[in-house]
Amino acid sequence: MTYTQTSYHCPFCNQSFDSFFPWPDIYDFPSHIYQMWNKETAICPFCESLDRERLYRLYIERETDLLKRKQKLLHIAPEMNLRQWISNESTVDYLAGDLMPADAETIQMDIRAIPYPEGSFDVIMCSHVLEHILEDQAAMNELYRVLKPGGWSILQVPISLNLKKSLQNPAITSPEDRLIYFGQDDHVRLYSQEDFTGRLEAAGFIVELYDFSEHHGLEEAKRYGLSAGDTLYIGRKKAL
């Protein structure tokens, strides 16, 4: 397929259109080059799905068996469109968790101390949460603990391609300073790719970097508002 601007498509609402809505300028961080920063193709104009939600769905549909056999899934700080879709799939035993639940269907949960036994979940999705947590290694350890052997997870954070080492400083506490240093006023660090991968591995995960465009072509990626280099961090737990 030859890509044109009229080829944009959203897998959630199944609409095609000429352009996406861009990220608001408030999220711009010009001093850093973000991995997976699709400024102009961020938001679906119909259902408001985010670029990362579309990537997660494409990965799940094309690369996993989540929709083919019964599995238990933990979704931390659930994205709206992703939740509406995946929670209604017959093969998915779905549980949403959040530190500050927005509805009665979401379990109150601090991922530094997840209130479930070891090996409770086949799949975990935790996106853009760890950058808010000072004790991120403790949270990664807990996510690994409750993942079943042979299970997998999608673990995403903002990644700066400028950095060789993650940028963090516990003395930076004001919203104003966090915005300057970390790009958002409620973030406590900005990760580098190598350091984020290393922290996940330290928790026990086998980390796989997945680029949709490498598997299905750049033209197909662009159709969904994605770019070359948009990377998923898949954390697996070794099977027994």
C-alpha atoms as a PDB file:
ATOM      1  CA  MET A   1       0.000   0.000   0.000  1.00  0.00           C
ATOM      2  CA  THR A   2       1.286   3.458  -0.870  1.00  0.00           C
ATOM      3  CA  TYR A   3       0.858   5.794   2.062  1.00  0.00           C
ATOM      4  CA  THR A   4      -1.025   9.078   1.592  1.00  0.00           C
ATOM      5  CA  GLN A   5      -2.449  11.513   4.114  1.00  0.00           C
ATOM      6  CA  THR A   6      -5.955  10.292   3.368  1.00  0.00           C
ATOM      7  CA  SER A   7      -4.923   6.815   4.551  1.00  0.00           C
ATOM      8  CA  TYR A   8      -4.978   7.562   8.289  1.00  0.00           C
ATOM      9  CA  HIS A   9      -6.993   5.034  10.240  1.00  0.00           C
ATOM     10  CA  CYS A  10      -7.891   4.339  13.880  1.00  0.00           C
ATOM     11  CA  PRO A  11      -8.234   0.687  14.960  1.00  0.00           C
ATOM     12  CA  PHE A  12     -10.475   1.625  17.891  1.00  0.00           C
ATOM     13  CA  CYS A  13     -13.295   3.508  16.173  1.00  0.00           C
ATOM     14  CA  ASN A  14     -12.528   2.041  12.719  1.00  0.00           C
ATOM     15  CA  GLN A  15     -12.665   5.496  11.128  1.00  0.00           C
ATOM     16  CA  SER A  16     -10.470   6.804   8.308  1.00  0.00           C
ATOM     17  CA  PHE A  17      -9.609  10.484   7.952  1.00  0.00           C
ATOM     18  CA  ASP A  18      -7.205  13.067   6.518  1.00  0.00           C
ATOM     19  CA  SER A  19      -5.399  14.102   9.708  1.00  0.00           C
ATOM     20  CA  PHE A  20      -4.988  13.370  13.396  1.00  0.00           C
ATOM     21  CA  PHE A  21      -5.170  15.964  16.167  1.00  0.00           C
ATOM     22  CA  PRO A  22      -1.716  17.004  17.478  1.00  0.00           C
ATOM     23  CA  TRP A  23      -0.445  16.835  21.018  1.00  0.00           C
ATOM     24  CA  PRO A  24      -1.112  20.165  22.788  1.00  0.00           C
ATOM     25  CA  ASP A  25       1.958  22.404  22.905  1.00  0.00           C
ATOM     26  CA  ILE A  26       2.081  22.081  26.700  1.00  0.00           C
ATOM     27  CA  TYR A  27       3.650  18.634  26.211  1.00  0.00           C
ATOM     28  CA  ASP A  28       6.476  19.925  24.008  1.00  0.00           C
ATOM     29  CA  PHE A  29       9.958  19.462  25.512  1.00  0.00           C
ATOM     30  CA  PRO A  30      12.292  20.863  22.841  1.00  0.00           C
ATOM     31  CA  SER A  31      15.505  20.273  24.813  1.00  0.00           C
ATOM     32  CA  HIS A  32      14.971  16.507  24.497  1.00  0.00           C
ATOM     33  CA  ILE A  33      14.175  14.160  21.636  1.00  0.00           C
ATOM     34  CA  TYR A  34      11.487  11.796  22.851  1.00  0.00           C
ATOM     35  CA  GLN A  35      11.257   8.254  21.633  1.00  0.00           C
ATOM     36  CA  MET A  36       7.737   7.778  20.278  1.00  0.00           C
ATOM     37  CA  TRP A  37       6.862  11.448  19.881  1.00  0.00           C
ATOM     38  CA  ASN A  38       4.197  11.686  17.189  1.00  0.00           C
ATOM     39  CA  LYS A  39       3.358  15.335  17.692  1.00  0.00           C
ATOM     40  CA  GLU A  40       1.136  15.806  14.629  1.00  0.00           C
ATOM     41  CA  THR A  41      -0.517  12.376  14.622  1.00  0.00           C
ATOM     42  CA  ALA A  42      -1.130  11.923  18.324  1.00  0.00           C
ATOM     43  CA  ILE A  43      -4.892  11.852  18.826  1.00  0.00           C
ATOM     44  CA  CYS A  44      -7.739  10.321  16.837  1.00  0.00           C
ATOM     45  CA  PRO A  45     -10.243  13.061  15.852  1.00  0.00           C
ATOM     46  CA  PHE A  46     -13.188  10.703  16.423  1.00  0.00           C
ATOM     47  CA  CYS A  47     -12.556   8.592  19.554  1.00  0.00           C
ATOM     48  CA  GLU A  48      -9.483  10.450  20.891  1.00  0.00           C
ATOM     49  CA  SER A  49      -7.320   7.333  21.054  1.00  0.00           C
ATOM     50  CA  LEU A  50      -3.644   8.128  21.663  1.00  0.00           C
ATOM     51  CA  ASP A  51      -0.816   7.001  19.413  1.00  0.00           C
ATOM     52  CA  ARG A  52       0.508   4.671  22.100  1.00  0.00           C
ATOM     53  CA  GLU A  53      -2.921   3.090  22.587  1.00  0.00           C
ATOM     54  CA  ARG A  54      -3.063   2.338  18.883  1.00  0.00           C
ATOM     55  CA  LEU A  55       0.401   0.778  19.026  1.00  0.00           C
ATOM     56  CA  TYR A  56      -0.555  -1.410  22.006  1.00  0.00           C
ATOM     57  CA  ARG A  57      -3.648  -2.664  20.209  1.00  0.00           C
ATOM     58  CA  LEU A  58      -1.740  -3.434  17.021  1.00  0.00           C
ATOM     59  CA  TYR A  59       0.875  -5.343  18.997  1.00  0.00           C
ATOM     60  CA  ILE A  60      -1.731  -7.336  20.915  1.00  0.00           C
ATOM     61  CA  GLU A  61      -3.720  -8.213  17.797  1.00  0.00           C
ATOM     62  CA  ARG A  62      -0.790  -9.090  15.551  1.00  0.00           C
ATOM     63  CA  GLU A  63       1.906 -10.454  17.843  1.00  0.00           C
ATOM     64  CA  THR A  64       0.187 -12.167  20.811  1.00  0.00           C
ATOM     65  CA  ASP A  65      -2.385 -14.846  21.575  1.00  0.00           C
ATOM     66  CA  LEU A  66      -4.253 -12.720  24.141  1.00  0.00           C
ATOM     67  CA  LEU A  67      -7.416 -12.782  22.007  1.00  0.00           C
ATOM     68  CA  LYS A  68      -7.180 -16.527  21.333  1.00  0.00           C
ATOM     69  CA  ARG A  69      -7.091 -18.133  24.781  1.00  0.00           C
ATOM     70  CA  LYS A  70      -8.271 -17.215  28.274  1.00  0.00           C
ATOM     71  CA  GLN A  71      -5.766 -15.053  30.147  1.00  0.00           C
ATOM     72  CA  LYS A  72      -5.798 -12.745  33.172  1.00  0.00           C
ATOM     73  CA  LEU A  73      -4.701  -9.180  32.529  1.00  0.00           C
ATOM     74  CA  LEU A  74      -3.775  -6.380  34.946  1.00  0.00           C
ATOM     75  CA  HIS A  75      -4.076  -2.872  33.462  1.00  0.00           C
ATOM     76  CA  ILE A  76      -2.465  -0.128  35.553  1.00  0.00           C
ATOM     77  CA  ALA A  77      -3.770   3.456  35.170  1.00  0.00           C
ATOM     78  CA  PRO A  78      -5.939   2.274  32.265  1.00  0.00           C
ATOM     79  CA  GLU A  79      -6.130   4.297  29.049  1.00  0.00           C
ATOM     80  CA  MET A  80      -9.772   4.871  28.098  1.00  0.00           C
ATOM     81  CA  ASN A  81      -9.964   3.397  24.606  1.00  0.00           C
ATOM     82  CA  LEU A  82      -7.634   0.523  25.346  1.00  0.00           C
ATOM     83  CA  ARG A  83      -9.670  -0.391  28.414  1.00  0.00           C
ATOM     84  CA  GLN A  84     -13.015  -0.246  26.631  1.00  0.00           C
ATOM     85  CA  TRP A  85     -11.720  -2.558  23.943  1.00  0.00           C
ATOM     86  CA  ILE A  86      -9.698  -5.125  25.854  1.00  0.00           C
ATOM     87  CA  SER A  87     -12.035  -5.465  28.849  1.00  0.00           C
ATOM     88  CA  ASN A  88     -14.833  -6.589  26.514  1.00  0.00           C
ATOM     89  CA  GLU A  89     -12.811  -9.331  24.822  1.00  0.00           C
ATOM     90  CA  SER A  90     -14.173 -12.740  25.840  1.00  0.00           C
ATOM     91  CA  THR A  91     -10.718 -14.256  26.330  1.00  0.00           C
ATOM     92  CA  VAL A  92      -9.539 -11.558  28.749  1.00  0.00           C
ATOM     93  CA  ASP A  93     -10.123 -11.776  32.502  1.00  0.00           C
ATOM     94  CA  TYR A  94      -9.601  -8.041  33.001  1.00  0.00           C
ATOM     95  CA  LEU A  95      -8.613  -6.091  36.125  1.00  0.00           C
ATOM     96  CA  ALA A  96      -7.891  -2.348  36.234  1.00  0.00           C
ATOM     97  CA  GLY A  97      -5.818  -0.826  39.043  1.00  0.00           C
ATOM     98  CA  ASP A  98      -4.888   2.746  39.916  1.00  0.00           C
ATOM     99  CA  LEU A  99      -3.487   4.638  42.886  1.00  0.00           C
ATOM    100  CA  MET A 100      -6.420   7.026  42.602  1.00  0.00           C
ATOM    101  CA  PRO A 101      -9.278   5.121  40.926  1.00  0.00           C
ATOM    102  CA  ALA A 102     -11.605   7.148  38.728  1.00  0.00           C
ATOM    103  CA  ASP A 103     -14.505   4.684  38.984  1.00  0.00           C
ATOM    104  CA  ALA A 104     -15.852   1.832  41.081  1.00  0.00           C
ATOM    105  CA  GLU A 105     -14.608  -0.801  38.604  1.00  0.00           C
ATOM    106  CA  THR A 106     -10.958   0.156  39.173  1.00  0.00           C
ATOM    107  CA  ILE A 107      -9.145  -1.375  42.167  1.00  0.00           C
ATOM    108  CA  GLN A 108      -7.209   1.037  44.393  1.00  0.00           C
ATOM    109  CA  MET A 109      -3.620  -0.098  44.001  1.00  0.00           C
ATOM    110  CA  ASP A 110      -0.126   1.151  44.795  1.00  0.00           C
ATOM    111  CA  ILE A 111       2.125  -0.767  42.410  1.00  0.00           C
ATOM    112  CA  ARG A 112       4.964  -0.632  44.931  1.00  0.00           C
ATOM    113  CA  ALA A 113       2.884  -3.132  46.947  1.00  0.00           C
ATOM    114  CA  ILE A 114       0.421  -4.903  44.632  1.00  0.00           C
ATOM    115  CA  PRO A 115      -2.222  -6.724  46.744  1.00  0.00           C
ATOM    116  CA  TYR A 116      -2.137  -9.992  44.757  1.00  0.00           C
ATOM    117  CA  PRO A 117      -0.118 -13.185  45.122  1.00  0.00           C
ATOM    118  CA  GLU A 118       2.967 -14.011  43.121  1.00  0.00           C
ATOM    119  CA  GLY A 119       2.205 -15.107  39.572  1.00  0.00           C
ATOM    120  CA  SER A 120      -1.376 -13.796  39.498  1.00  0.00           C
ATOM    121  CA  PHE A 121      -1.447 -12.348  35.959  1.00  0.00           C
ATOM    122  CA  ASP A 122      -0.640 -13.615  32.475  1.00  0.00           C
ATOM    123  CA  VAL A 123      -0.336 -10.095  31.071  1.00  0.00           C
ATOM    124  CA  ILE A 124       0.359  -6.667  32.595  1.00  0.00           C
ATOM    125  CA  MET A 125       0.032  -3.271  30.936  1.00  0.00           C
ATOM    126  CA  CYS A 126       1.627  -0.343  32.776  1.00  0.00           C
ATOM    127  CA  SER A 127       2.074   2.734  30.624  1.00  0.00           C
ATOM    128  CA  HIS A 128       3.433   6.138  31.633  1.00  0.00           C
ATOM    129  CA  VAL A 129       3.220   5.420  35.350  1.00  0.00           C
ATOM    130  CA  LEU A 130       6.758   4.613  36.528  1.00  0.00           C
ATOM    131  CA  GLU A 131       8.056   8.121  35.784  1.00  0.00           C
ATOM    132  CA  HIS A 132       5.709   9.374  38.536  1.00  0.00           C
ATOM    133  CA  ILE A 133       7.146   7.045  41.210  1.00  0.00           C
ATOM    134  CA  LEU A 134      10.315   7.785  43.193  1.00  0.00           C
ATOM    135  CA  GLU A 135      10.686   4.103  44.136  1.00  0.00           C
ATOM    136  CA  ASP A 136      10.372   2.869  40.561  1.00  0.00           C
ATOM    137  CA  GLN A 137      12.614  -0.164  41.140  1.00  0.00           C
ATOM    138  CA  ALA A 138      10.280  -1.367  43.883  1.00  0.00           C
ATOM    139  CA  ALA A 139       7.351  -0.974  41.483  1.00  0.00           C
ATOM    140  CA  MET A 140       9.171  -2.904  38.737  1.00  0.00           C
ATOM    141  CA  ASN A 141       9.972  -5.661  41.235  1.00  0.00           C
ATOM    142  CA  GLU A 142       6.295  -5.917  42.171  1.00  0.00           C
ATOM    143  CA  LEU A 143       5.130  -6.008  38.554  1.00  0.00           C
ATOM    144  CA  TYR A 144       7.568  -8.847  37.941  1.00  0.00           C
ATOM    145  CA  ARG A 145       6.447 -10.679  41.089  1.00  0.00           C
ATOM    146  CA  VAL A 146       2.754 -10.786  40.150  1.00  0.00           C
ATOM    147  CA  LEU A 147       3.446 -11.790  36.534  1.00  0.00           C
ATOM    148  CA  LYS A 148       3.097 -15.508  35.859  1.00  0.00           C
ATOM    149  CA  PRO A 149       6.103 -17.475  34.581  1.00  0.00           C
ATOM    150  CA  GLY A 150       5.855 -17.304  30.799  1.00  0.00           C
ATOM    151  CA  GLY A 151       3.808 -14.111  31.041  1.00  0.00           C
ATOM    152  CA  TRP A 152       4.504 -10.810  29.325  1.00  0.00           C
ATOM    153  CA  SER A 153       3.984  -7.123  29.946  1.00  0.00           C
ATOM    154  CA  ILE A 154       3.958  -3.784  28.156  1.00  0.00           C
ATOM    155  CA  LEU A 155       5.959  -1.335  30.301  1.00  0.00           C
ATOM    156  CA  GLN A 156       6.182   2.167  28.849  1.00  0.00           C
ATOM    157  CA  VAL A 157       7.660   5.459  30.042  1.00  0.00           C
ATOM    158  CA  PRO A 158       8.777   8.656  28.312  1.00  0.00           C
ATOM    159  CA  ILE A 159      12.277   8.005  26.939  1.00  0.00           C
ATOM    160  CA  SER A 160      14.753  10.763  26.018  1.00  0.00           C
ATOM    161  CA  LEU A 161      17.080   9.755  23.207  1.00  0.00           C
ATOM    162  CA  ASN A 162      19.455  12.531  24.334  1.00  0.00           C
ATOM    163  CA  LEU A 163      20.258  10.758  27.583  1.00  0.00           C
ATOM    164  CA  LYS A 164      22.710   7.949  28.271  1.00  0.00           C
ATOM    165  CA  LYS A 165      21.658   7.918  31.917  1.00  0.00           C
ATOM    166  CA  SER A 166      18.217   8.675  33.340  1.00  0.00           C
ATOM    167  CA  LEU A 167      17.776  12.196  34.675  1.00  0.00           C
ATOM    168  CA  GLN A 168      16.542  12.275  38.270  1.00  0.00           C
ATOM    169  CA  ASN A 169      17.131  14.203  41.450  1.00  0.00           C
ATOM    170  CA  PRO A 170      14.979  13.739  44.596  1.00  0.00           C
ATOM    171  CA  ALA A 171      15.731  17.347  45.557  1.00  0.00           C
ATOM    172  CA  ILE A 172      13.679  18.531  42.569  1.00  0.00           C
ATOM    173  CA  THR A 173      10.223  18.580  44.137  1.00  0.00           C
ATOM    174  CA  SER A 174       8.290  21.634  42.961  1.00  0.00           C
ATOM    175  CA  PRO A 175       5.963  21.308  39.961  1.00  0.00           C
ATOM    176  CA  GLU A 176       7.750  24.237  38.306  1.00  0.00           C
ATOM    177  CA  ASP A 177      11.189  22.626  38.586  1.00  0.00           C
ATOM    178  CA  ARG A 178       9.922  19.197  37.558  1.00  0.00           C
ATOM    179  CA  LEU A 179       8.480  20.718  34.412  1.00  0.00           C
ATOM    180  CA  ILE A 180      11.860  22.277  33.593  1.00  0.00           C
ATOM    181  CA  TYR A 181      13.965  19.184  34.295  1.00  0.00           C
ATOM    182  CA  PHE A 182      11.653  16.268  33.486  1.00  0.00           C
ATOM    183  CA  GLY A 183       9.215  17.720  30.951  1.00  0.00           C
ATOM    184  CA  GLN A 184       6.054  17.423  33.063  1.00  0.00           C
ATOM    185  CA  ASP A 185       5.232  18.895  36.444  1.00  0.00           C
ATOM    186  CA  ASP A 186       4.271  15.572  38.056  1.00  0.00           C
ATOM    187  CA  HIS A 187       7.224  13.507  36.775  1.00  0.00           C
ATOM    188  CA  VAL A 188      10.136  12.604  39.051  1.00  0.00           C
ATOM    189  CA  ARG A 189      12.595  11.485  36.338  1.00  0.00           C
ATOM    190  CA  LEU A 190      13.245  11.298  32.623  1.00  0.00           C
ATOM    191  CA  TYR A 191      14.497   7.900  31.483  1.00  0.00           C
ATOM    192  CA  SER A 192      17.208   6.976  29.035  1.00  0.00           C
ATOM    193  CA  GLN A 193      16.586   3.865  26.954  1.00  0.00           C
ATOM    194  CA  GLU A 194      19.606   1.969  28.255  1.00  0.00           C
ATOM    195  CA  ASP A 195      18.868   2.764  31.893  1.00  0.00           C
ATOM    196  CA  PHE A 196      15.158   1.928  31.654  1.00  0.00           C
ATOM    197  CA  THR A 197      15.954  -1.405  30.038  1.00  0.00           C
ATOM    198  CA  GLY A 198      18.593  -2.061  32.715  1.00  0.00           C
ATOM    199  CA  ARG A 199      16.168  -1.346  35.553  1.00  0.00           C
ATOM    200  CA  LEU A 200      13.596  -3.729  34.080  1.00  0.00           C
ATOM    201  CA  GLU A 201      16.267  -6.411  33.719  1.00  0.00           C
ATOM    202  CA  ALA A 202      17.355  -5.828  37.323  1.00  0.00           C
ATOM    203  CA  ALA A 203      13.780  -6.637  38.366  1.00  0.00           C
ATOM    204  CA  GLY A 204      14.034  -9.932  36.489  1.00  0.00           C
ATOM    205  CA  PHE A 205      12.346  -9.116  33.180  1.00  0.00           C
ATOM    206  CA  ILE A 206      13.612 -10.387  29.858  1.00  0.00           C
ATOM    207  CA  VAL A 207      13.235  -7.211  27.804  1.00  0.00           C
ATOM    208  CA  GLU A 208      12.240  -7.198  24.138  1.00  0.00           C
ATOM    209  CA  LEU A 209      12.178  -3.944  22.148  1.00  0.00           C
ATOM    210  CA  TYR A 210       9.394  -4.033  19.576  1.00  0.00           C
ATOM    211  CA  ASP A 211       9.189  -1.586  16.658  1.00  0.00           C
ATOM    212  CA  PHE A 212       5.958  -2.043  14.680  1.00  0.00           C
ATOM    213  CA  SER A 213       7.442  -0.520  11.522  1.00  0.00           C
ATOM    214  CA  GLU A 214      10.231  -3.124  11.498  1.00  0.00           C
ATOM    215  CA  HIS A 215       7.684  -5.929  11.477  1.00  0.00           C
ATOM    216  CA  HIS A 216       4.969  -4.474   9.252  1.00  0.00           C
ATOM    217  CA  GLY A 217       6.630  -1.663   7.291  1.00  0.00           C
ATOM    218  CA  LEU A 218       6.814   2.090   7.690  1.00  0.00           C
ATOM    219  CA  GLU A 219       3.862   2.758   5.387  1.00  0.00           C
ATOM    220  CA  GLU A 220       1.615   0.596   7.559  1.00  0.00           C
ATOM    221  CA  ALA A 221       2.903   2.305  10.720  1.00  0.00           C
ATOM    222  CA  LYS A 222       2.187   5.758   9.305  1.00  0.00           C
ATOM    223  CA  ARG A 223      -1.388   4.731   8.561  1.00  0.00           C
ATOM    224  CA  TYR A 224      -2.021   4.539  12.310  1.00  0.00           C
ATOM    225  CA  GLY A 225      -0.134   7.738  13.160  1.00  0.00           C
ATOM    226  CA  LEU A 226       3.059   5.911  14.146  1.00  0.00           C
ATOM    227  CA  SER A 227       6.681   6.416  13.119  1.00  0.00           C
ATOM    228  CA  ALA A 228       9.873   4.452  12.626  1.00  0.00           C
ATOM    229  CA  GLY A 229      11.503   3.940  16.003  1.00  0.00           C
ATOM    230  CA  ASP A 230       8.261   3.884  18.002  1.00  0.00           C
ATOM    231  CA  THR A 231       9.270   1.227  20.516  1.00  0.00           C
ATOM    232  CA  LEU A 232       7.362  -0.999  22.904  1.00  0.00           C
ATOM    233  CA  TYR A 233       9.188  -2.348  25.953  1.00  0.00           C
ATOM    234  CA  ILE A 234       7.964  -5.900  26.360  1.00  0.00           C
ATOM    235  CA  GLY A 235       8.964  -7.411  29.682  1.00  0.00           C
ATOM    236  CA  ARG A 236       8.741 -11.213  29.828  1.00  0.00           C
ATOM    237  CA  LYS A 237       9.048 -13.601  32.751  1.00  0.00           C
ATOM    238  CA  LYS A 238      10.914 -16.811  32.011  1.00  0.00           C
ATOM    239  CA  ALA A 239       8.692 -19.875  31.916  1.00  0.00           C
ATOM    240  CA  LEU A 240       9.282 -22.552  34.528  1.00  0.00           C
END
